[in-house]
């Protein structure tokens, strides 16, 4: 069982400001969740294979297809900044020279 002091401690660690009413509500809700897990632990899962999902899901995205971009100038013109024939991007790593 989780008590209000444990809820207050977790809220403090998570830097959450919760009211007394929320403490009581979260205590009740968390205890209900733990009770449910207790019920689940009573089930015989010896012959149940591990899964990552309760239902079968397949990827519905299309496969990537390589297509050359025919207008290099149009592509460069759409960039916020360019330098010659290249995109100019902000430096993300410091170098020893700088």
PDB file of N, CA and C in Angstrom:
ATOM      1  N   UNK A   1       0.841  -1.191   0.000  1.00  0.00           N
ATOM      2  CA  UNK A   1       0.000   0.000   0.000  1.00  0.00           C
ATOM      3  C   UNK A   1       0.881   1.247   0.000  1.00  0.00           C
ATOM      4  N   UNK A   2       0.429   2.220  -0.740  1.00  0.00           N
ATOM      5  CA  UNK A   2       1.114   3.511  -0.786  1.00  0.00           C
ATOM      6  C   UNK A   2       0.340   4.478   0.099  1.00  0.00           C
ATOM      7  N   UNK A   3       1.067   5.241   0.916  1.00  0.00           N
ATOM      8  CA  UNK A   3       0.386   6.227   1.750  1.00  0.00           C
ATOM      9  C   UNK A   3       0.666   7.638   1.223  1.00  0.00           C
ATOM     10  N   UNK A   4       0.016   8.601   1.841  1.00  0.00           N
ATOM     11  CA  UNK A   4       0.131   9.997   1.387  1.00  0.00           C
ATOM     12  C   UNK A   4       1.554  10.522   1.500  1.00  0.00           C
ATOM     13  N   UNK A   5       2.290  10.075   2.491  1.00  0.00           N
ATOM     14  CA  UNK A   5       3.672  10.540   2.647  1.00  0.00           C
ATOM     15  C   UNK A   5       4.534  10.104   1.465  1.00  0.00           C
ATOM     16  N   UNK A   6       4.303   8.884   0.982  1.00  0.00           N
ATOM     17  CA  UNK A   6       5.050   8.422  -0.182  1.00  0.00           C
ATOM     18  C   UNK A   6       4.672   9.215  -1.434  1.00  0.00           C
ATOM     19  N   UNK A   7       3.405   9.534  -1.564  1.00  0.00           N
ATOM     20  CA  UNK A   7       2.956  10.356  -2.695  1.00  0.00           C
ATOM     21  C   UNK A   7       3.588  11.742  -2.613  1.00  0.00           C
ATOM     22  N   UNK A   8       3.616  12.321  -1.420  1.00  0.00           N
ATOM     23  CA  UNK A   8       4.243  13.638  -1.239  1.00  0.00           C
ATOM     24  C   UNK A   8       5.732  13.579  -1.592  1.00  0.00           C
ATOM     25  N   UNK A   9       6.407  12.504  -1.179  1.00  0.00           N
ATOM     26  CA  UNK A   9       7.837  12.365  -1.454  1.00  0.00           C
ATOM     27  C   UNK A   9       8.095  12.267  -2.960  1.00  0.00           C
ATOM     28  N   UNK A  10       7.305  11.449  -3.651  1.00  0.00           N
ATOM     29  CA  UNK A  10       7.474  11.300  -5.094  1.00  0.00           C
ATOM     30  C   UNK A  10       7.165  12.625  -5.802  1.00  0.00           C
ATOM     31  N   UNK A  11       6.137  13.310  -5.359  1.00  0.00           N
ATOM     32  CA  UNK A  11       5.805  14.611  -5.950  1.00  0.00           C
ATOM     33  C   UNK A  11       6.949  15.593  -5.746  1.00  0.00           C
ATOM     34  N   UNK A  12       7.537  15.574  -4.580  1.00  0.00           N
ATOM     35  CA  UNK A  12       8.673  16.457  -4.297  1.00  0.00           C
ATOM     36  C   UNK A  12       9.862  16.118  -5.201  1.00  0.00           C
ATOM     37  N   UNK A  13      10.176  14.837  -5.320  1.00  0.00           N
ATOM     38  CA  UNK A  13      11.280  14.415  -6.173  1.00  0.00           C
ATOM     39  C   UNK A  13      11.042  14.771  -7.632  1.00  0.00           C
ATOM     40  N   UNK A  14       9.784  14.739  -8.066  1.00  0.00           N
ATOM     41  CA  UNK A  14       9.435  15.077  -9.440  1.00  0.00           C
ATOM     42  C   UNK A  14       9.218  16.578  -9.620  1.00  0.00           C
ATOM     43  N   UNK A  15       9.424  17.335  -8.546  1.00  0.00           N
ATOM     44  CA  UNK A  15       9.256  18.800  -8.570  1.00  0.00           C
ATOM     45  C   UNK A  15       7.829  19.191  -8.969  1.00  0.00           C
ATOM     46  N   UNK A  16       6.859  18.438  -8.418  1.00  0.00           N
ATOM     47  CA  UNK A  16       5.446  18.723  -8.674  1.00  0.00           C
ATOM     48  C   UNK A  16       4.831  19.370  -7.449  1.00  0.00           C
ATOM     49  N   UNK A  17       4.097  20.416  -7.663  1.00  0.00           N
ATOM     50  CA  UNK A  17       3.334  21.043  -6.577  1.00  0.00           C
ATOM     51  C   UNK A  17       1.913  20.496  -6.643  1.00  0.00           C
ATOM     52  N   UNK A  18       1.565  19.645  -5.690  1.00  0.00           N
ATOM     53  CA  UNK A  18       0.218  19.087  -5.686  1.00  0.00           C
ATOM     54  C   UNK A  18      -0.499  19.498  -4.401  1.00  0.00           C
ATOM     55  N   UNK A  19      -1.800  19.593  -4.504  1.00  0.00           N
ATOM     56  CA  UNK A  19      -2.627  19.989  -3.361  1.00  0.00           C
ATOM     57  C   UNK A  19      -2.908  18.775  -2.477  1.00  0.00           C
ATOM     58  N   UNK A  20      -3.479  19.024  -1.321  1.00  0.00           N
ATOM     59  CA  UNK A  20      -3.860  17.930  -0.413  1.00  0.00           C
ATOM     60  C   UNK A  20      -4.897  17.021  -1.065  1.00  0.00           C
ATOM     61  N   UNK A  21      -5.813  17.626  -1.810  1.00  0.00           N
ATOM     62  CA  UNK A  21      -6.831  16.831  -2.500  1.00  0.00           C
ATOM     63  C   UNK A  21      -6.179  15.919  -3.548  1.00  0.00           C
ATOM     64  N   UNK A  22      -5.191  16.453  -4.265  1.00  0.00           N
ATOM     65  CA  UNK A  22      -4.489  15.646  -5.264  1.00  0.00           C
ATOM     66  C   UNK A  22      -3.682  14.532  -4.603  1.00  0.00           C
ATOM     67  N   UNK A  23      -3.089  14.824  -3.440  1.00  0.00           N
ATOM     68  CA  UNK A  23      -2.369  13.778  -2.701  1.00  0.00           C
ATOM     69  C   UNK A  23      -3.301  12.615  -2.401  1.00  0.00           C
ATOM     70  N   UNK A  24      -4.475  12.929  -1.914  1.00  0.00           N
ATOM     71  CA  UNK A  24      -5.450  11.897  -1.587  1.00  0.00           C
ATOM     72  C   UNK A  24      -5.895  11.146  -2.837  1.00  0.00           C
ATOM     73  N   UNK A  25      -6.157  11.889  -3.904  1.00  0.00           N
ATOM     74  CA  UNK A  25      -6.596  11.285  -5.166  1.00  0.00           C
ATOM     75  C   UNK A  25      -5.508  10.368  -5.724  1.00  0.00           C
ATOM     76  N   UNK A  26      -4.260  10.832  -5.749  1.00  0.00           N
ATOM     77  CA  UNK A  26      -3.168  10.023  -6.286  1.00  0.00           C
ATOM     78  C   UNK A  26      -2.900   8.797  -5.412  1.00  0.00           C
ATOM     79  N   UNK A  27      -3.037   8.937  -4.112  1.00  0.00           N
ATOM     80  CA  UNK A  27      -2.857   7.795  -3.218  1.00  0.00           C
ATOM     81  C   UNK A  27      -3.877   6.711  -3.547  1.00  0.00           C
ATOM     82  N   UNK A  28      -5.125   7.108  -3.712  1.00  0.00           N
ATOM     83  CA  UNK A  28      -6.192   6.160  -4.056  1.00  0.00           C
ATOM     84  C   UNK A  28      -5.938   5.522  -5.411  1.00  0.00           C
ATOM     85  N   UNK A  29      -5.590   6.348  -6.403  1.00  0.00           N
ATOM     86  CA  UNK A  29      -5.368   5.828  -7.754  1.00  0.00           C
ATOM     87  C   UNK A  29      -4.168   4.878  -7.805  1.00  0.00           C
ATOM     88  N   UNK A  30      -3.080   5.248  -7.178  1.00  0.00           N
ATOM     89  CA  UNK A  30      -1.895   4.391  -7.189  1.00  0.00           C
ATOM     90  C   UNK A  30      -2.157   3.070  -6.474  1.00  0.00           C
ATOM     91  N   UNK A  31      -2.889   3.108  -5.389  1.00  0.00           N
ATOM     92  CA  UNK A  31      -3.236   1.872  -4.696  1.00  0.00           C
ATOM     93  C   UNK A  31      -4.140   0.987  -5.551  1.00  0.00           C
ATOM     94  N   UNK A  32      -5.036   1.592  -6.318  1.00  0.00           N
ATOM     95  CA  UNK A  32      -5.881   0.808  -7.230  1.00  0.00           C
ATOM     96  C   UNK A  32      -5.037   0.131  -8.298  1.00  0.00           C
ATOM     97  N   UNK A  33      -4.041   0.845  -8.811  1.00  0.00           N
ATOM     98  CA  UNK A  33      -3.148   0.271  -9.826  1.00  0.00           C
ATOM     99  C   UNK A  33      -2.367  -0.899  -9.236  1.00  0.00           C
ATOM    100  N   UNK A  34      -1.844  -0.709  -8.025  1.00  0.00           N
ATOM    101  CA  UNK A  34      -1.090  -1.792  -7.382  1.00  0.00           C
ATOM    102  C   UNK A  34      -1.973  -2.991  -7.077  1.00  0.00           C
ATOM    103  N   UNK A  35      -3.218  -2.745  -6.685  1.00  0.00           N
ATOM    104  CA  UNK A  35      -4.160  -3.849  -6.456  1.00  0.00           C
ATOM    105  C   UNK A  35      -4.393  -4.637  -7.746  1.00  0.00           C
ATOM    106  N   UNK A  36      -4.492  -3.932  -8.855  1.00  0.00           N
ATOM    107  CA  UNK A  36      -4.697  -4.600 -10.138  1.00  0.00           C
ATOM    108  C   UNK A  36      -3.489  -5.456 -10.493  1.00  0.00           C
ATOM    109  N   UNK A  37      -2.285  -4.928 -10.279  1.00  0.00           N
ATOM    110  CA  UNK A  37      -1.082  -5.723 -10.534  1.00  0.00           C
ATOM    111  C   UNK A  37      -1.041  -6.957  -9.636  1.00  0.00           C
ATOM    112  N   UNK A  38      -1.515  -6.822  -8.438  1.00  0.00           N
ATOM    113  CA  UNK A  38      -1.575  -7.973  -7.527  1.00  0.00           C
ATOM    114  C   UNK A  38      -2.495  -9.045  -8.094  1.00  0.00           C
ATOM    115  N   UNK A  39      -3.624  -8.623  -8.661  1.00  0.00           N
ATOM    116  CA  UNK A  39      -4.536  -9.579  -9.302  1.00  0.00           C
ATOM    117  C   UNK A  39      -3.859 -10.249 -10.491  1.00  0.00           C
ATOM    118  N   UNK A  40      -3.131  -9.464 -11.288  1.00  0.00           N
ATOM    119  CA  UNK A  40      -2.458 -10.024 -12.458  1.00  0.00           C
ATOM    120  C   UNK A  40      -1.372 -11.028 -12.063  1.00  0.00           C
ATOM    121  N   UNK A  41      -0.727 -10.795 -10.952  1.00  0.00           N
ATOM    122  CA  UNK A  41       0.349 -11.695 -10.536  1.00  0.00           C
ATOM    123  C   UNK A  41      -0.187 -13.073 -10.148  1.00  0.00           C
ATOM    124  N   UNK A  42      -1.479 -13.191  -9.911  1.00  0.00           N
ATOM    125  CA  UNK A  42      -2.078 -14.472  -9.564  1.00  0.00           C
ATOM    126  C   UNK A  42      -2.332 -15.351 -10.788  1.00  0.00           C
ATOM    127  N   UNK A  43      -2.233 -14.779 -11.989  1.00  0.00           N
ATOM    128  CA  UNK A  43      -2.490 -15.534 -13.213  1.00  0.00           C
ATOM    129  C   UNK A  43      -1.319 -16.451 -13.543  1.00  0.00           C
ATOM    130  N   UNK A  44      -1.652 -17.600 -14.095  1.00  0.00           N
ATOM    131  CA  UNK A  44      -0.622 -18.538 -14.537  1.00  0.00           C
ATOM    132  C   UNK A  44      -0.175 -18.130 -15.941  1.00  0.00           C
ATOM    133  N   UNK A  45       1.048 -17.629 -16.048  1.00  0.00           N
ATOM    134  CA  UNK A  45       1.586 -17.191 -17.343  1.00  0.00           C
ATOM    135  C   UNK A  45       2.751 -18.081 -17.789  1.00  0.00           C
ATOM    136  N   UNK A  46       2.814 -19.274 -17.253  1.00  0.00           N
ATOM    137  CA  UNK A  46       3.931 -20.179 -17.539  1.00  0.00           C
ATOM    138  C   UNK A  46       4.104 -20.453 -19.024  1.00  0.00           C
ATOM    139  N   UNK A  47       3.022 -20.700 -19.735  1.00  0.00           N
ATOM    140  CA  UNK A  47       3.101 -21.057 -21.157  1.00  0.00           C
ATOM    141  C   UNK A  47       2.716 -19.906 -22.081  1.00  0.00           C
ATOM    142  N   UNK A  48       2.788 -18.691 -21.596  1.00  0.00           N
ATOM    143  CA  UNK A  48       2.450 -17.523 -22.412  1.00  0.00           C
ATOM    144  C   UNK A  48       3.750 -16.891 -22.902  1.00  0.00           C
ATOM    145  N   UNK A  49       3.933 -16.824 -24.230  1.00  0.00           N
ATOM    146  CA  UNK A  49       5.180 -16.231 -24.742  1.00  0.00           C
ATOM    147  C   UNK A  49       5.209 -14.717 -24.493  1.00  0.00           C
ATOM    148  N   UNK A  50       6.379 -14.162 -24.242  1.00  0.00           N
ATOM    149  CA  UNK A  50       6.472 -12.718 -24.039  1.00  0.00           C
ATOM    150  C   UNK A  50       6.143 -11.954 -25.324  1.00  0.00           C
ATOM    151  N   UNK A  51       5.493 -10.828 -25.169  1.00  0.00           N
ATOM    152  CA  UNK A  51       5.133 -10.001 -26.323  1.00  0.00           C
ATOM    153  C   UNK A  51       5.429  -8.544 -25.999  1.00  0.00           C
ATOM    154  N   UNK A  52       5.467  -7.743 -27.041  1.00  0.00           N
ATOM    155  CA  UNK A  52       5.648  -6.308 -26.840  1.00  0.00           C
ATOM    156  C   UNK A  52       4.338  -5.549 -26.980  1.00  0.00           C
ATOM    157  N   UNK A  53       3.338  -6.201 -27.589  1.00  0.00           N
ATOM    158  CA  UNK A  53       2.032  -5.566 -27.781  1.00  0.00           C
ATOM    159  C   UNK A  53       0.937  -6.598 -27.544  1.00  0.00           C
ATOM    160  N   UNK A  54      -0.227  -6.110 -27.157  1.00  0.00           N
ATOM    161  CA  UNK A  54      -1.350  -7.011 -26.939  1.00  0.00           C
ATOM    162  C   UNK A  54      -1.972  -7.441 -28.256  1.00  0.00           C
ATOM    163  N   UNK A  55      -1.861  -6.606 -29.284  1.00  0.00           N
ATOM    164  CA  UNK A  55      -2.404  -6.949 -30.600  1.00  0.00           C
ATOM    165  C   UNK A  55      -1.288  -6.840 -31.632  1.00  0.00           C
ATOM    166  N   UNK A  56      -1.430  -7.550 -32.731  1.00  0.00           N
ATOM    167  CA  UNK A  56      -0.425  -7.521 -33.799  1.00  0.00           C
ATOM    168  C   UNK A  56      -0.515  -6.191 -34.546  1.00  0.00           C
ATOM    169  N   UNK A  57       0.612  -5.543 -34.721  1.00  0.00           N
ATOM    170  CA  UNK A  57       0.660  -4.264 -35.417  1.00  0.00           C
ATOM    171  C   UNK A  57       1.711  -4.380 -36.505  1.00  0.00           C
ATOM    172  N   UNK A  58       1.373  -3.893 -37.683  1.00  0.00           N
ATOM    173  CA  UNK A  58       2.364  -3.889 -38.758  1.00  0.00           C
ATOM    174  C   UNK A  58       2.640  -2.444 -39.160  1.00  0.00           C
ATOM    175  N   UNK A  59       3.793  -2.233 -39.717  1.00  0.00           N
ATOM    176  CA  UNK A  59       4.193  -0.898 -40.133  1.00  0.00           C
ATOM    177  C   UNK A  59       3.393  -0.498 -41.370  1.00  0.00           C
ATOM    178  N   UNK A  60       2.702   0.637 -41.286  1.00  0.00           N
ATOM    179  CA  UNK A  60       1.862   1.059 -42.402  1.00  0.00           C
ATOM    180  C   UNK A  60       2.515   2.155 -43.233  1.00  0.00           C
ATOM    181  N   UNK A  61       3.772   2.462 -42.936  1.00  0.00           N
ATOM    182  CA  UNK A  61       4.445   3.490 -43.714  1.00  0.00           C
ATOM    183  C   UNK A  61       4.952   2.902 -45.023  1.00  0.00           C
ATOM    184  N   UNK A  62       5.080   3.750 -45.999  1.00  0.00           N
ATOM    185  CA  UNK A  62       5.567   3.290 -47.295  1.00  0.00           C
ATOM    186  C   UNK A  62       7.077   3.089 -47.236  1.00  0.00           C
ATOM    187  N   UNK A  63       7.610   2.246 -48.063  1.00  0.00           N
ATOM    188  CA  UNK A  63       9.065   2.068 -48.084  1.00  0.00           C
ATOM    189  C   UNK A  63       9.737   3.302 -48.699  1.00  0.00           C
ATOM    190  N   UNK A  64      10.937   3.572 -48.255  1.00  0.00           N
ATOM    191  CA  UNK A  64      11.697   4.682 -48.822  1.00  0.00           C
ATOM    192  C   UNK A  64      12.106   4.339 -50.245  1.00  0.00           C
ATOM    193  N   UNK A  65      11.966   5.325 -51.112  1.00  0.00           N
ATOM    194  CA  UNK A  65      12.399   5.143 -52.494  1.00  0.00           C
ATOM    195  C   UNK A  65      13.344   6.283 -52.839  1.00  0.00           C
ATOM    196  N   UNK A  66      14.515   5.953 -53.304  1.00  0.00           N
ATOM    197  CA  UNK A  66      15.517   6.938 -53.660  1.00  0.00           C
ATOM    198  C   UNK A  66      15.134   7.590 -54.975  1.00  0.00           C
ATOM    199  N   UNK A  67      15.009   8.924 -54.963  1.00  0.00           N
ATOM    200  CA  UNK A  67      14.704   9.674 -56.170  1.00  0.00           C
ATOM    201  C   UNK A  67      15.645  10.871 -56.229  1.00  0.00           C
ATOM    202  N   UNK A  68      16.346  11.036 -57.314  1.00  0.00           N
ATOM    203  CA  UNK A  68      17.227  12.203 -57.419  1.00  0.00           C
ATOM    204  C   UNK A  68      16.411  13.486 -57.520  1.00  0.00           C
ATOM    205  N   UNK A  69      16.941  14.541 -56.925  1.00  0.00           N
ATOM    206  CA  UNK A  69      16.300  15.849 -57.023  1.00  0.00           C
ATOM    207  C   UNK A  69      16.921  16.548 -58.218  1.00  0.00           C
ATOM    208  N   UNK A  70      16.105  16.945 -59.185  1.00  0.00           N
ATOM    209  CA  UNK A  70      16.624  17.404 -60.462  1.00  0.00           C
ATOM    210  C   UNK A  70      17.093  18.854 -60.468  1.00  0.00           C
ATOM    211  N   UNK A  71      16.625  19.664 -59.545  1.00  0.00           N
ATOM    212  CA  UNK A  71      16.989  21.073 -59.578  1.00  0.00           C
ATOM    213  C   UNK A  71      17.787  21.428 -58.328  1.00  0.00           C
ATOM    214  N   UNK A  72      19.077  21.311 -58.428  1.00  0.00           N
ATOM    215  CA  UNK A  72      19.965  21.612 -57.308  1.00  0.00           C
ATOM    216  C   UNK A  72      19.829  23.074 -56.887  1.00  0.00           C
ATOM    217  N   UNK A  73      19.690  23.970 -57.860  1.00  0.00           N
ATOM    218  CA  UNK A  73      19.558  25.399 -57.555  1.00  0.00           C
ATOM    219  C   UNK A  73      18.268  25.689 -56.788  1.00  0.00           C
ATOM    220  N   UNK A  74      17.172  25.042 -57.164  1.00  0.00           N
ATOM    221  CA  UNK A  74      15.907  25.237 -56.458  1.00  0.00           C
ATOM    222  C   UNK A  74      16.002  24.722 -55.032  1.00  0.00           C
ATOM    223  N   UNK A  75      16.688  23.608 -54.859  1.00  0.00           N
ATOM    224  CA  UNK A  75      16.860  23.033 -53.525  1.00  0.00           C
ATOM    225  C   UNK A  75      17.691  23.977 -52.647  1.00  0.00           C
ATOM    226  N   UNK A  76      18.794  24.486 -53.183  1.00  0.00           N
ATOM    227  CA  UNK A  76      19.638  25.417 -52.426  1.00  0.00           C
ATOM    228  C   UNK A  76      18.903  26.721 -52.131  1.00  0.00           C
ATOM    229  N   UNK A  77      18.066  27.171 -53.055  1.00  0.00           N
ATOM    230  CA  UNK A  77      17.319  28.417 -52.862  1.00  0.00           C
ATOM    231  C   UNK A  77      16.309  28.295 -51.733  1.00  0.00           C
ATOM    232  N   UNK A  78      15.861  27.082 -51.425  1.00  0.00           N
ATOM    233  CA  UNK A  78      14.878  26.896 -50.355  1.00  0.00           C
ATOM    234  C   UNK A  78      15.520  26.868 -48.973  1.00  0.00           C
ATOM    235  N   UNK A  79      16.847  26.834 -48.921  1.00  0.00           N
ATOM    236  CA  UNK A  79      17.554  26.783 -47.638  1.00  0.00           C
ATOM    237  C   UNK A  79      17.611  28.169 -47.010  1.00  0.00           C
ATOM    238  N   UNK A  80      17.562  28.260 -45.674  1.00  0.00           N
ATOM    239  CA  UNK A  80      17.678  29.566 -45.016  1.00  0.00           C
ATOM    240  C   UNK A  80      19.013  30.246 -45.328  1.00  0.00           C
ATOM    241  N   UNK A  81      20.083  29.451 -45.374  1.00  0.00           N
ATOM    242  CA  UNK A  81      21.402  29.995 -45.699  1.00  0.00           C
ATOM    243  C   UNK A  81      22.138  28.995 -46.574  1.00  0.00           C
ATOM    244  N   UNK A  82      22.931  29.513 -47.470  1.00  0.00           N
ATOM    245  CA  UNK A  82      23.764  28.648 -48.292  1.00  0.00           C
ATOM    246  C   UNK A  82      25.139  29.266 -48.426  1.00  0.00           C
ATOM    247  N   UNK A  83      26.094  28.419 -48.717  1.00  0.00           N
ATOM    248  CA  UNK A  83      27.457  28.872 -48.924  1.00  0.00           C
ATOM    249  C   UNK A  83      27.970  28.147 -50.158  1.00  0.00           C
ATOM    250  N   UNK A  84      28.006  28.858 -51.266  1.00  0.00           N
ATOM    251  CA  UNK A  84      28.375  28.230 -52.528  1.00  0.00           C
ATOM    252  C   UNK A  84      27.341  27.197 -52.914  1.00  0.00           C
ATOM    253  N   UNK A  85      27.777  25.974 -53.135  1.00  0.00           N
ATOM    254  CA  UNK A  85      26.874  24.889 -53.527  1.00  0.00           C
ATOM    255  C   UNK A  85      26.466  24.015 -52.329  1.00  0.00           C
ATOM    256  N   UNK A  86      26.560  24.570 -51.116  1.00  0.00           N
ATOM    257  CA  UNK A  86      26.284  23.802 -49.906  1.00  0.00           C
ATOM    258  C   UNK A  86      25.297  24.535 -49.004  1.00  0.00           C
ATOM    259  N   UNK A  87      24.606  23.765 -48.150  1.00  0.00           N
ATOM    260  CA  UNK A  87      23.776  24.353 -47.102  1.00  0.00           C
ATOM    261  C   UNK A  87      24.684  24.857 -45.998  1.00  0.00           C
ATOM    262  N   UNK A  88      24.383  26.011 -45.449  1.00  0.00           N
ATOM    263  CA  UNK A  88      25.136  26.527 -44.314  1.00  0.00           C
ATOM    264  C   UNK A  88      24.291  26.273 -43.064  1.00  0.00           C
ATOM    265  N   UNK A  89      24.884  25.589 -42.094  1.00  0.00           N
ATOM    266  CA  UNK A  89      24.182  25.243 -40.860  1.00  0.00           C
ATOM    267  C   UNK A  89      24.975  25.755 -39.671  1.00  0.00           C
ATOM    268  N   UNK A  90      24.329  25.963 -38.520  1.00  0.00           N
ATOM    269  CA  UNK A  90      25.062  26.416 -37.334  1.00  0.00           C
ATOM    270  C   UNK A  90      26.050  25.360 -36.866  1.00  0.00           C
ATOM    271  N   UNK A  91      27.156  25.806 -36.318  1.00  0.00           N
ATOM    272  CA  UNK A  91      28.149  24.897 -35.766  1.00  0.00           C
ATOM    273  C   UNK A  91      27.559  24.225 -34.529  1.00  0.00           C
ATOM    274  N   UNK A  92      27.694  22.908 -34.459  1.00  0.00           N
ATOM    275  CA  UNK A  92      27.136  22.203 -33.299  1.00  0.00           C
ATOM    276  C   UNK A  92      28.213  21.621 -32.404  1.00  0.00           C
ATOM    277  N   UNK A  93      29.424  21.579 -32.866  1.00  0.00           N
ATOM    278  CA  UNK A  93      30.514  21.055 -32.045  1.00  0.00           C
ATOM    279  C   UNK A  93      31.655  22.058 -32.061  1.00  0.00           C
ATOM    280  N   UNK A  94      32.243  22.265 -30.918  1.00  0.00           N
ATOM    281  CA  UNK A  94      33.378  23.189 -30.819  1.00  0.00           C
ATOM    282  C   UNK A  94      34.620  22.503 -31.364  1.00  0.00           C
ATOM    283  N   UNK A  95      35.473  23.293 -31.980  1.00  0.00           N
ATOM    284  CA  UNK A  95      36.732  22.736 -32.453  1.00  0.00           C
ATOM    285  C   UNK A  95      37.868  23.316 -31.626  1.00  0.00           C
ATOM    286  N   UNK A  96      39.015  22.674 -31.654  1.00  0.00           N
ATOM    287  CA  UNK A  96      40.180  23.157 -30.915  1.00  0.00           C
ATOM    288  C   UNK A  96      40.741  24.426 -31.526  1.00  0.00           C
ATOM    289  N   UNK A  97      40.444  24.678 -32.807  1.00  0.00           N
ATOM    290  CA  UNK A  97      40.964  25.849 -33.504  1.00  0.00           C
ATOM    291  C   UNK A  97      40.239  27.126 -33.125  1.00  0.00           C
ATOM    292  N   UNK A  98      38.988  27.020 -32.717  1.00  0.00           N
ATOM    293  CA  UNK A  98      38.163  28.208 -32.457  1.00  0.00           C
ATOM    294  C   UNK A  98      38.436  28.818 -31.122  1.00  0.00           C
TER     295      UNK A  98
END
